[in-house]
Protein backbone atom coordinates (compact mmCIF):
# COMPACT_ATOMS: atom_id res chain seq x y z
CA MET A 1 0.00 0.00 0.00
CA ALA A 2 1.36 3.40 -1.01
CA THR A 3 1.50 6.20 1.52
CA SER A 4 1.08 9.77 0.31
CA ALA A 5 3.87 12.28 0.92
CA GLN A 6 1.55 14.32 3.16
CA THR A 7 0.70 11.29 5.29
CA LEU A 8 4.37 10.31 5.55
CA ALA A 9 5.30 13.85 6.63
CA THR A 10 2.61 13.69 9.35
CA ILE A 11 3.94 10.29 10.56
CA ILE A 12 7.51 11.63 10.80
CA GLU A 13 6.27 14.75 12.65
CA THR A 14 4.27 12.65 15.15
CA LEU A 15 7.17 10.24 15.79
CA SER A 16 9.64 13.10 16.26
CA VAL A 17 7.43 14.57 18.98
CA LYS A 18 6.72 11.23 20.72
CA TYR A 19 10.29 9.92 20.64
CA GLN A 20 11.94 13.34 20.92
CA PHE A 21 14.22 13.44 17.89
CA ASP A 22 14.92 16.14 15.37
CA LYS A 23 12.49 15.92 12.45
CA ASP A 24 14.94 17.53 9.97
CA SER A 25 17.69 15.07 10.92
CA ALA A 26 15.28 12.16 10.42
CA ILE A 27 14.28 13.45 6.96
CA ASP A 28 17.96 13.92 6.01
CA HIS A 29 18.71 10.37 7.21
CA LEU A 30 15.80 8.88 5.23
CA ALA A 31 16.76 10.94 2.15
CA THR A 32 20.33 9.62 2.14
CA ARG A 33 18.93 6.06 2.16
CA GLU A 34 16.57 7.05 -0.69
CA LEU A 35 13.48 6.09 1.35
CA LEU A 36 11.51 9.32 0.82
CA PRO A 37 9.29 10.37 -2.08
CA LYS A 38 10.53 13.36 -4.14
CA LYS A 39 8.04 15.74 -2.51
CA LEU A 40 9.65 15.20 0.91
CA LEU A 41 13.26 15.45 -0.21
CA PRO A 42 14.97 18.51 1.23
CA LYS A 43 15.28 21.27 -1.33
CA ALA A 44 18.82 22.22 -2.29
CA GLN A 45 19.65 25.84 -1.60
CA LYS A 46 19.94 27.87 -4.79
CA ALA A 47 22.96 30.09 -5.07
CA VAL A 48 21.99 33.74 -5.06
CA THR A 49 23.04 35.33 -8.32
CA GLY A 50 22.76 38.77 -9.84
CA PHE A 51 21.22 37.41 -13.04
CA ALA A 52 17.55 36.99 -13.94
CA SER A 53 18.11 33.80 -15.96
CA LYS A 54 20.58 30.98 -16.34
CA LYS A 55 21.14 31.95 -20.00
CA ALA A 56 22.07 35.53 -19.00
CA GLU A 57 24.52 34.16 -16.45
CA GLU A 58 26.08 31.77 -19.00
CA VAL A 59 26.51 34.47 -21.67
CA ALA A 60 27.99 36.87 -19.10
CA ALA A 61 30.46 34.24 -17.89
CA GLU A 62 31.41 33.39 -21.48
CA HIS A 63 32.26 37.02 -22.25
CA GLY A 64 33.70 37.94 -18.84
CA ILE A 65 30.93 40.39 -17.97
CA VAL A 66 30.31 41.16 -14.31
CA PRO A 67 27.15 43.02 -13.23
CA ASP A 68 28.10 46.55 -12.26
CA GLY A 69 24.99 48.10 -10.87
CA PRO A 70 21.33 47.16 -11.01
CA GLY A 71 19.89 45.44 -14.08
CA SER A 72 16.47 45.87 -15.65
CA GLY A 73 15.09 42.60 -14.28
CA LYS A 74 13.08 41.92 -11.13
CA ASP A 75 14.91 42.99 -7.97
CA GLY A 76 17.59 44.68 -10.10
CA LYS A 77 18.85 41.42 -11.60
CA TRP A 78 20.62 41.46 -14.94
CA THR A 79 18.62 40.11 -17.88
CA LEU A 80 19.97 38.67 -21.12
CA LYS A 81 19.20 42.01 -22.77
CA ASP A 82 21.35 43.81 -20.15
CA VAL A 83 24.25 41.42 -20.79
CA GLN A 84 23.95 41.82 -24.57
CA SER A 85 23.88 45.62 -24.32
CA LYS A 86 27.01 45.51 -22.13
CA MET A 87 28.69 43.34 -24.80
CA THR A 88 27.90 45.82 -27.59
CA ALA A 89 28.67 48.96 -25.61
CA PRO A 90 31.53 50.83 -27.24
CA ALA A 91 34.71 50.91 -25.24
CA ALA A 92 35.75 54.47 -24.58
CA THR A 93 39.37 55.15 -25.38
CA LYS A 94 41.22 58.21 -24.27
CA LEU A 95 42.96 60.18 -26.96
CA LEU A 96 46.37 61.37 -25.78
CA VAL A 97 46.91 64.71 -27.51
CA SER A 98 48.24 68.09 -26.47
CA PRO A 99 45.71 70.95 -26.57
CA ASN A 100 47.68 72.86 -29.23
CA ALA A 101 47.99 69.74 -31.39
CA LEU A 102 44.25 69.15 -31.07
CA SER A 103 43.48 72.72 -32.15
CA LEU A 104 45.80 72.42 -35.14
CA ALA A 105 44.29 69.06 -36.15
CA ASN A 106 40.74 70.45 -35.87
CA GLU A 107 41.70 73.52 -37.88
CA HIS A 108 42.98 71.33 -40.74
CA LYS A 109 40.28 68.64 -40.33
CA ILE A 110 42.78 65.90 -39.49
CA ASP A 111 41.30 62.84 -37.78
CA LEU A 112 43.52 61.81 -34.85
CA VAL A 113 41.66 58.61 -33.96
CA GLY A 114 43.96 55.60 -34.24
CA ARG A 115 47.11 57.68 -34.64
CA LYS A 116 50.13 57.54 -32.35
CA GLY A 117 52.33 60.50 -31.62
CA THR A 118 55.96 60.80 -30.67
CA GLY A 119 55.29 62.03 -27.15
CA LYS A 120 55.26 60.03 -23.92
CA ASP A 121 52.91 57.01 -24.14
CA GLY A 122 52.16 57.87 -27.79
CA ARG A 123 50.87 61.36 -27.01
CA ILE A 124 50.23 63.40 -30.15
CA LEU A 125 52.24 66.61 -30.22
CA VAL A 126 52.09 69.69 -32.47
CA LYS A 127 55.10 68.45 -34.47
CA ASP A 128 53.21 65.17 -35.19
CA VAL A 129 50.17 67.04 -36.54
CA GLU A 130 52.43 69.32 -38.59
CA GLY A 131 53.98 66.19 -40.13
CA TRP A 132 50.51 64.97 -41.15
CA LEU A 133 49.58 68.25 -42.84
CA PRO A 134 49.62 68.15 -46.63
CA ALA A 135 52.50 70.07 -48.16
CA GLU A 136 51.67 73.57 -49.49
CA GLY A 137 52.32 72.64 -53.12
CA ASP A 138 50.16 69.51 -53.17
CA ASP A 139 47.61 69.69 -55.97
CA GLU A 140 46.04 66.45 -54.83
CA ASP A 141 42.36 66.85 -54.07
CA GLU A 142 41.63 65.82 -50.53
CA LEU A 143 38.79 63.34 -50.10
CA ASP A 144 35.79 64.61 -48.20
CA ILE A 145 34.96 61.47 -46.24
CA SER A 146 33.47 60.85 -42.82
CA PRO A 147 35.79 59.27 -40.23
CA ARG A 148 33.60 56.16 -39.92
CA ALA A 149 33.50 55.74 -43.72
CA LEU A 150 37.29 56.06 -43.88
CA GLN A 151 37.64 53.46 -41.12
CA GLU A 152 35.36 51.04 -43.00
CA ALA A 153 37.23 51.65 -46.29
CA THR A 154 40.59 51.05 -44.63
CA ALA A 155 39.33 47.87 -42.96
CA ASN A 156 38.19 46.54 -46.35
CA GLY A 157 41.37 47.51 -48.21
CA ILE A 158 39.82 50.19 -50.42
CA SER A 159 42.51 52.50 -51.82
CA LYS A 160 42.23 56.29 -51.96
CA ALA A 161 42.14 56.04 -55.75
CA ASP A 162 39.07 53.77 -55.49
CA LEU A 163 37.49 56.09 -52.93
CA ALA A 164 37.90 58.99 -55.36
CA THR A 165 35.68 57.13 -57.86
CA ILE A 166 32.79 56.79 -55.40
CA HIS A 167 30.04 59.42 -55.60
CA GLY A 168 29.33 60.70 -52.09
CA THR A 169 25.73 61.20 -51.01
CA GLY A 170 26.53 63.49 -48.09
CA LYS A 171 26.53 67.27 -48.03
CA ASP A 172 28.73 68.71 -50.80
CA GLY A 173 29.46 65.16 -52.07
CA ARG A 174 30.94 63.94 -48.79
CA LEU A 175 31.51 60.17 -48.69
CA LEU A 176 29.43 58.56 -45.96
CA LEU A 177 29.56 55.10 -44.39
CA SER A 178 26.54 54.05 -46.48
CA ASP A 179 28.40 55.00 -49.70
CA VAL A 180 31.39 52.85 -48.75
CA LYS A 181 29.18 49.91 -47.76
CA LYS A 182 27.32 50.20 -51.08
CA TYR A 183 30.65 50.18 -52.95
CA ILE A 184 31.77 47.08 -51.00
CA SER A 185 28.53 45.19 -51.72
CA GLU A 186 28.62 46.15 -55.43
CA SER A 187 32.26 45.05 -55.65
CA ALA A 188 31.38 41.70 -54.03
CA GLU A 189 28.49 41.22 -56.49
CA SER A 190 30.66 41.99 -59.53
CA GLU A 191 33.33 39.57 -58.26
CA SER A 192 30.77 36.79 -57.80
CA GLU A 193 29.41 37.43 -61.33
CA SER A 194 32.93 37.21 -62.82
CA ASP A 195 33.51 33.96 -60.89
CA GLU A 196 30.42 32.47 -62.52
CA ASP A 197 31.74 33.19 -66.06
């Protein structure tokens, strides 16, 4: 005859009172001998975590992300969306440049991002910016291109000569990121068509 978990719990309670033993110790003893139904097994303590889900915790551990402040989940726990936004957040980098060099670079529209100077710890000095200025006699037309478009072009190996052939859709024909991406996709399409021939 099967005894319900509720009835068995009542029996253990009654015996613990009559024979004066600790009910929790008796349940632990019976659990180790696998004599209790699942409903009476002591519940394992869950580790308290700062994440709202196991998936969020796994992704955070995989990418080395530690919760720094409250998340958007219940009780301030970090959700998967919080972890993903932390992964895609741009890392701020400090630009080491002297004030005079920065003024000179701004005056001549020279992008200093990604450049290293000759000063301490790669600090950009006035003499570095002066070295990057085009010579007075240069007849070469300077490209009007956004910094992000130039970065994308450089990353994809597009030469300045190729950039000069692209029609910019920005103000006064300025090359934008979308123009460079369009050029890259059109180049990839023309290459795949020539491969088919």
